[in-house]
PDB file of all heavy atoms in Angstrom:
ATOM      1  N   GLN A   1       0.816  -1.200   0.000  1.00  0.00           N
ATOM      2  CA  GLN A   1       0.000   0.000   0.000  1.00  0.00           C
ATOM      3  C   GLN A   1       0.859   1.262   0.000  1.00  0.00           C
ATOM      4  O   GLN A   1       1.860   1.341   0.717  1.00  0.00           O
ATOM      5  CB  GLN A   1      -0.901   0.032   1.237  1.00  0.00           C
ATOM      6  CG  GLN A   1      -1.926  -1.086   1.287  1.00  0.00           C
ATOM      7  CD  GLN A   1      -3.033  -0.895   0.271  1.00  0.00           C
ATOM      8  OE1 GLN A   1      -3.811   0.048   0.343  1.00  0.00           O
ATOM      9  NE2 GLN A   1      -3.097  -1.804  -0.686  1.00  0.00           N
ATOM     10  N   ALA A   2       0.468   2.220  -0.830  1.00  0.00           N
ATOM     11  CA  ALA A   2       0.994   3.583  -0.752  1.00  0.00           C
ATOM     12  C   ALA A   2      -0.203   4.442  -0.365  1.00  0.00           C
ATOM     13  O   ALA A   2      -0.863   5.048  -1.200  1.00  0.00           O
ATOM     14  CB  ALA A   2       1.584   4.016  -2.090  1.00  0.00           C
ATOM     15  N   PHE A   3      -0.495   4.456   0.932  1.00  0.00           N
ATOM     16  CA  PHE A   3      -1.733   5.047   1.441  1.00  0.00           C
ATOM     17  C   PHE A   3      -1.406   5.975   2.594  1.00  0.00           C
ATOM     18  O   PHE A   3      -0.565   5.665   3.445  1.00  0.00           O
ATOM     19  CB  PHE A   3      -2.689   3.953   1.917  1.00  0.00           C
ATOM     20  CG  PHE A   3      -4.022   4.460   2.395  1.00  0.00           C
ATOM     21  CD1 PHE A   3      -5.028   4.770   1.496  1.00  0.00           C
ATOM     22  CD2 PHE A   3      -4.272   4.637   3.747  1.00  0.00           C
ATOM     23  CE1 PHE A   3      -6.259   5.229   1.931  1.00  0.00           C
ATOM     24  CE2 PHE A   3      -5.493   5.097   4.196  1.00  0.00           C
ATOM     25  CZ  PHE A   3      -6.490   5.403   3.281  1.00  0.00           C
ATOM     26  N   CYS A   4      -2.079   7.135   2.637  1.00  0.00           N
ATOM     27  CA  CYS A   4      -1.850   8.128   3.687  1.00  0.00           C
ATOM     28  C   CYS A   4      -2.947   8.016   4.743  1.00  0.00           C
ATOM     29  O   CYS A   4      -4.012   8.610   4.595  1.00  0.00           O
ATOM     30  CB  CYS A   4      -1.815   9.531   3.086  1.00  0.00           C
ATOM     31  SG  CYS A   4      -1.621  10.835   4.326  1.00  0.00           S
ATOM     32  N   LEU A   5      -2.677   7.243   5.782  1.00  0.00           N
ATOM     33  CA  LEU A   5      -3.639   7.122   6.865  1.00  0.00           C
ATOM     34  C   LEU A   5      -3.589   8.336   7.779  1.00  0.00           C
ATOM     35  O   LEU A   5      -4.525   8.613   8.526  1.00  0.00           O
ATOM     36  CB  LEU A   5      -3.354   5.849   7.676  1.00  0.00           C
ATOM     37  CG  LEU A   5      -4.499   5.304   8.530  1.00  0.00           C
ATOM     38  CD1 LEU A   5      -5.656   4.868   7.656  1.00  0.00           C
ATOM     39  CD2 LEU A   5      -4.018   4.143   9.380  1.00  0.00           C
ATOM     40  N   ALA A   6      -2.481   9.090   7.702  1.00  0.00           N
ATOM     41  CA  ALA A   6      -2.325  10.271   8.552  1.00  0.00           C
ATOM     42  C   ALA A   6      -3.026  11.491   7.987  1.00  0.00           C
ATOM     43  O   ALA A   6      -3.117  12.514   8.658  1.00  0.00           O
ATOM     44  CB  ALA A   6      -0.837  10.584   8.729  1.00  0.00           C
ATOM     45  N   CYS A   7      -3.512  11.417   6.742  1.00  0.00           N
ATOM     46  CA  CYS A   7      -4.188  12.566   6.151  1.00  0.00           C
ATOM     47  C   CYS A   7      -5.446  12.882   6.956  1.00  0.00           C
ATOM     48  O   CYS A   7      -6.117  11.966   7.445  1.00  0.00           O
ATOM     49  CB  CYS A   7      -4.558  12.288   4.689  1.00  0.00           C
ATOM     50  SG  CYS A   7      -3.126  12.168   3.600  1.00  0.00           S
ATOM     51  N   PRO A   8      -5.768  14.178   7.109  1.00  0.00           N
ATOM     52  CA  PRO A   8      -6.929  14.560   7.926  1.00  0.00           C
ATOM     53  C   PRO A   8      -8.181  13.796   7.556  1.00  0.00           C
ATOM     54  O   PRO A   8      -8.519  13.674   6.375  1.00  0.00           O
ATOM     55  CB  PRO A   8      -7.071  16.056   7.634  1.00  0.00           C
ATOM     56  CG  PRO A   8      -5.679  16.496   7.324  1.00  0.00           C
ATOM     57  CD  PRO A   8      -5.052  15.331   6.590  1.00  0.00           C
ATOM     58  N   ALA A   9      -8.881  13.277   8.564  1.00  0.00           N
ATOM     59  CA  ALA A   9     -10.033  12.401   8.335  1.00  0.00           C
ATOM     60  C   ALA A   9     -11.126  13.087   7.533  1.00  0.00           C
ATOM     61  O   ALA A   9     -11.801  12.473   6.728  1.00  0.00           O
ATOM     62  CB  ALA A   9     -10.584  11.914   9.668  1.00  0.00           C
ATOM     63  N   GLY A  10     -11.331  14.364   7.749  1.00  0.00           N
ATOM     64  CA  GLY A  10     -12.382  15.076   7.042  1.00  0.00           C
ATOM     65  C   GLY A  10     -12.149  15.176   5.560  1.00  0.00           C
ATOM     66  O   GLY A  10     -13.056  15.388   4.787  1.00  0.00           O
ATOM     67  N   ILE A  11     -10.870  15.019   5.163  1.00  0.00           N
ATOM     68  CA  ILE A  11     -10.541  15.092   3.748  1.00  0.00           C
ATOM     69  C   ILE A  11     -10.726  13.743   3.092  1.00  0.00           C
ATOM     70  O   ILE A  11     -11.205  13.611   1.983  1.00  0.00           O
ATOM     71  CB  ILE A  11      -9.094  15.588   3.563  1.00  0.00           C
ATOM     72  CG1 ILE A  11      -8.962  17.028   4.078  1.00  0.00           C
ATOM     73  CG2 ILE A  11      -8.658  15.521   2.127  1.00  0.00           C
ATOM     74  CD1 ILE A  11      -7.557  17.566   4.054  1.00  0.00           C
ATOM     75  N   VAL A  12     -10.337  12.693   3.789  1.00  0.00           N
ATOM     76  CA  VAL A  12     -10.395  11.360   3.203  1.00  0.00           C
ATOM     77  C   VAL A  12     -11.777  10.750   3.326  1.00  0.00           C
ATOM     78  O   VAL A  12     -12.117   9.802   2.641  1.00  0.00           O
ATOM     79  CB  VAL A  12      -9.348  10.450   3.881  1.00  0.00           C
ATOM     80  CG1 VAL A  12      -9.297   9.093   3.238  1.00  0.00           C
ATOM     81  CG2 VAL A  12      -7.965  11.092   3.821  1.00  0.00           C
ATOM     82  N   ALA A  13     -12.612  11.298   4.166  1.00  0.00           N
ATOM     83  CA  ALA A  13     -13.891  10.686   4.518  1.00  0.00           C
ATOM     84  C   ALA A  13     -14.819  10.360   3.376  1.00  0.00           C
ATOM     85  O   ALA A  13     -15.491   9.347   3.427  1.00  0.00           O
ATOM     86  CB  ALA A  13     -14.624  11.571   5.522  1.00  0.00           C
ATOM     87  N   PRO A  14     -14.952  11.163   2.301  1.00  0.00           N
ATOM     88  CA  PRO A  14     -15.991  10.924   1.330  1.00  0.00           C
ATOM     89  C   PRO A  14     -16.089   9.518   0.796  1.00  0.00           C
ATOM     90  O   PRO A  14     -17.169   9.015   0.562  1.00  0.00           O
ATOM     91  CB  PRO A  14     -15.638  11.921   0.214  1.00  0.00           C
ATOM     92  CG  PRO A  14     -15.011  13.048   0.932  1.00  0.00           C
ATOM     93  CD  PRO A  14     -14.260  12.411   2.059  1.00  0.00           C
ATOM     94  N   ALA A  15     -14.975   8.852   0.606  1.00  0.00           N
ATOM     95  CA  ALA A  15     -15.030   7.506   0.046  1.00  0.00           C
ATOM     96  C   ALA A  15     -15.596   6.507   1.036  1.00  0.00           C
ATOM     97  O   ALA A  15     -15.958   5.405   0.672  1.00  0.00           O
ATOM     98  CB  ALA A  15     -13.639   7.054  -0.394  1.00  0.00           C
ATOM     99  N   ALA A  16     -15.698   6.870   2.282  1.00  0.00           N
ATOM    100  CA  ALA A  16     -16.119   5.925   3.311  1.00  0.00           C
ATOM    101  C   ALA A  16     -17.385   6.349   4.006  1.00  0.00           C
ATOM    102  O   ALA A  16     -17.655   5.980   5.129  1.00  0.00           O
ATOM    103  CB  ALA A  16     -15.004   5.755   4.332  1.00  0.00           C
ATOM    104  N   THR A  17     -18.233   7.102   3.298  1.00  0.00           N
ATOM    105  CA  THR A  17     -19.445   7.613   3.951  1.00  0.00           C
ATOM    106  C   THR A  17     -20.672   6.872   3.465  1.00  0.00           C
ATOM    107  O   THR A  17     -21.661   7.453   3.091  1.00  0.00           O
ATOM    108  CB  THR A  17     -19.600   9.115   3.685  1.00  0.00           C
ATOM    109  OG1 THR A  17     -19.467   9.353   2.284  1.00  0.00           O
ATOM    110  CG2 THR A  17     -18.581   9.915   4.433  1.00  0.00           C
ATOM    111  N   GLN A  18     -20.611   5.555   3.468  1.00  0.00           N
ATOM    112  CA  GLN A  18     -21.742   4.759   3.046  1.00  0.00           C
ATOM    113  C   GLN A  18     -22.741   4.608   4.176  1.00  0.00           C
ATOM    114  O   GLN A  18     -22.383   4.332   5.320  1.00  0.00           O
ATOM    115  CB  GLN A  18     -21.256   3.363   2.609  1.00  0.00           C
ATOM    116  CG  GLN A  18     -20.432   3.382   1.329  1.00  0.00           C
ATOM    117  CD  GLN A  18     -21.314   3.395   0.107  1.00  0.00           C
ATOM    118  OE1 GLN A  18     -22.426   2.903   0.141  1.00  0.00           O
ATOM    119  NE2 GLN A  18     -20.829   3.953  -0.976  1.00  0.00           N
ATOM    120  N   ARG A  19     -23.996   4.754   3.857  1.00  0.00           N
ATOM    121  CA  ARG A  19     -25.068   4.496   4.817  1.00  0.00           C
ATOM    122  C   ARG A  19     -25.681   3.167   4.411  1.00  0.00           C
ATOM    123  O   ARG A  19     -26.158   3.001   3.305  1.00  0.00           O
ATOM    124  CB  ARG A  19     -26.101   5.618   4.739  1.00  0.00           C
ATOM    125  CG  ARG A  19     -27.223   5.495   5.727  1.00  0.00           C
ATOM    126  CD  ARG A  19     -28.323   6.472   5.383  1.00  0.00           C
ATOM    127  NE  ARG A  19     -27.998   7.823   5.769  1.00  0.00           N
ATOM    128  CZ  ARG A  19     -28.134   8.860   4.971  1.00  0.00           C
ATOM    129  NH1 ARG A  19     -28.520   8.699   3.736  1.00  0.00           N
ATOM    130  NH2 ARG A  19     -27.855  10.078   5.394  1.00  0.00           N
ATOM    131  N   SER A  20     -25.642   2.201   5.275  1.00  0.00           N
ATOM    132  CA  SER A  20     -26.021   0.857   4.857  1.00  0.00           C
ATOM    133  C   SER A  20     -26.772   0.150   5.964  1.00  0.00           C
ATOM    134  O   SER A  20     -26.606   0.403   7.147  1.00  0.00           O
ATOM    135  CB  SER A  20     -24.769   0.048   4.473  1.00  0.00           C
ATOM    136  OG  SER A  20     -25.085  -1.280   4.197  1.00  0.00           O
ATOM    137  N   ALA A  21     -27.638  -0.800   5.551  1.00  0.00           N
ATOM    138  CA  ALA A  21     -28.366  -1.593   6.533  1.00  0.00           C
ATOM    139  C   ALA A  21     -27.431  -2.511   7.295  1.00  0.00           C
ATOM    140  O   ALA A  21     -27.694  -2.869   8.439  1.00  0.00           O
ATOM    141  CB  ALA A  21     -29.437  -2.426   5.815  1.00  0.00           C
ATOM    142  N   ALA A  22     -26.331  -2.941   6.663  1.00  0.00           N
ATOM    143  CA  ALA A  22     -25.340  -3.783   7.317  1.00  0.00           C
ATOM    144  C   ALA A  22     -24.023  -3.041   7.349  1.00  0.00           C
ATOM    145  O   ALA A  22     -23.521  -2.639   6.323  1.00  0.00           O
ATOM    146  CB  ALA A  22     -25.176  -5.099   6.553  1.00  0.00           C
ATOM    147  N   PRO A  23     -23.437  -2.832   8.524  1.00  0.00           N
ATOM    148  CA  PRO A  23     -22.203  -2.063   8.594  1.00  0.00           C
ATOM    149  C   PRO A  23     -21.068  -2.768   7.892  1.00  0.00           C
ATOM    150  O   PRO A  23     -20.997  -3.997   7.901  1.00  0.00           O
ATOM    151  CB  PRO A  23     -21.936  -1.961  10.109  1.00  0.00           C
ATOM    152  CG  PRO A  23     -22.669  -3.093  10.708  1.00  0.00           C
ATOM    153  CD  PRO A  23     -23.862  -3.324   9.850  1.00  0.00           C
ATOM    154  N   PRO A  24     -20.134  -2.007   7.253  1.00  0.00           N
ATOM    155  CA  PRO A  24     -19.015  -2.633   6.581  1.00  0.00           C
ATOM    156  C   PRO A  24     -18.122  -3.345   7.578  1.00  0.00           C
ATOM    157  O   PRO A  24     -17.974  -2.947   8.718  1.00  0.00           O
ATOM    158  CB  PRO A  24     -18.291  -1.431   5.944  1.00  0.00           C
ATOM    159  CG  PRO A  24     -18.694  -0.256   6.772  1.00  0.00           C
ATOM    160  CD  PRO A  24     -20.087  -0.549   7.221  1.00  0.00           C
ATOM    161  N   GLY A  25     -17.516  -4.421   7.085  1.00  0.00           N
ATOM    162  CA  GLY A  25     -16.585  -5.143   7.930  1.00  0.00           C
ATOM    163  C   GLY A  25     -17.259  -5.990   8.992  1.00  0.00           C
ATOM    164  O   GLY A  25     -16.649  -6.344   9.990  1.00  0.00           O
ATOM    165  N   GLU A  26     -18.521  -6.347   8.786  1.00  0.00           N
ATOM    166  CA  GLU A  26     -19.247  -7.096   9.812  1.00  0.00           C
ATOM    167  C   GLU A  26     -18.582  -8.440  10.079  1.00  0.00           C
ATOM    168  O   GLU A  26     -18.457  -8.878  11.215  1.00  0.00           O
ATOM    169  CB  GLU A  26     -20.691  -7.300   9.361  1.00  0.00           C
ATOM    170  CG  GLU A  26     -21.576  -7.932  10.413  1.00  0.00           C
ATOM    171  CD  GLU A  26     -23.009  -8.016   9.951  1.00  0.00           C
ATOM    172  OE1 GLU A  26     -23.285  -7.624   8.815  1.00  0.00           O
ATOM    173  OE2 GLU A  26     -23.850  -8.474  10.732  1.00  0.00           O
ATOM    174  N   GLY A  27     -18.126  -9.106   9.010  1.00  0.00           N
ATOM    175  CA  GLY A  27     -17.469 -10.391   9.186  1.00  0.00           C
ATOM    176  C   GLY A  27     -16.174 -10.272   9.953  1.00  0.00           C
ATOM    177  O   GLY A  27     -15.811 -11.120  10.769  1.00  0.00           O
ATOM    178  N   VAL A  28     -15.430  -9.200   9.717  1.00  0.00           N
ATOM    179  CA  VAL A  28     -14.176  -8.964  10.422  1.00  0.00           C
ATOM    180  C   VAL A  28     -14.415  -8.781  11.906  1.00  0.00           C
ATOM    181  O   VAL A  28     -13.725  -9.353  12.754  1.00  0.00           O
ATOM    182  CB  VAL A  28     -13.479  -7.716   9.824  1.00  0.00           C
ATOM    183  CG1 VAL A  28     -12.294  -7.329  10.663  1.00  0.00           C
ATOM    184  CG2 VAL A  28     -13.040  -8.000   8.402  1.00  0.00           C
ATOM    185  N   LEU A  29     -15.408  -7.956  12.237  1.00  0.00           N
ATOM    186  CA  LEU A  29     -15.719  -7.730  13.643  1.00  0.00           C
ATOM    187  C   LEU A  29     -16.182  -9.013  14.314  1.00  0.00           C
ATOM    188  O   LEU A  29     -15.875  -9.273  15.475  1.00  0.00           O
ATOM    189  CB  LEU A  29     -16.791  -6.650  13.767  1.00  0.00           C
ATOM    190  CG  LEU A  29     -16.344  -5.233  13.404  1.00  0.00           C
ATOM    191  CD1 LEU A  29     -17.516  -4.275  13.546  1.00  0.00           C
ATOM    192  CD2 LEU A  29     -15.199  -4.779  14.276  1.00  0.00           C
ATOM    193  N   ALA A  30     -16.921  -9.825  13.573  1.00  0.00           N
ATOM    194  CA  ALA A  30     -17.375 -11.092  14.135  1.00  0.00           C
ATOM    195  C   ALA A  30     -16.170 -11.981  14.460  1.00  0.00           C
ATOM    196  O   ALA A  30     -16.133 -12.658  15.487  1.00  0.00           O
ATOM    197  CB  ALA A  30     -18.318 -11.797  13.150  1.00  0.00           C
TER     198      ALA A  30
END
């Protein structure tokens, strides 16, 4: 990965603003 996790959250947020009946990563959390 060449990914900037330190970039301000408000800037990176748009790609991760899904509203869904099932939260993402449900299997991972399980």
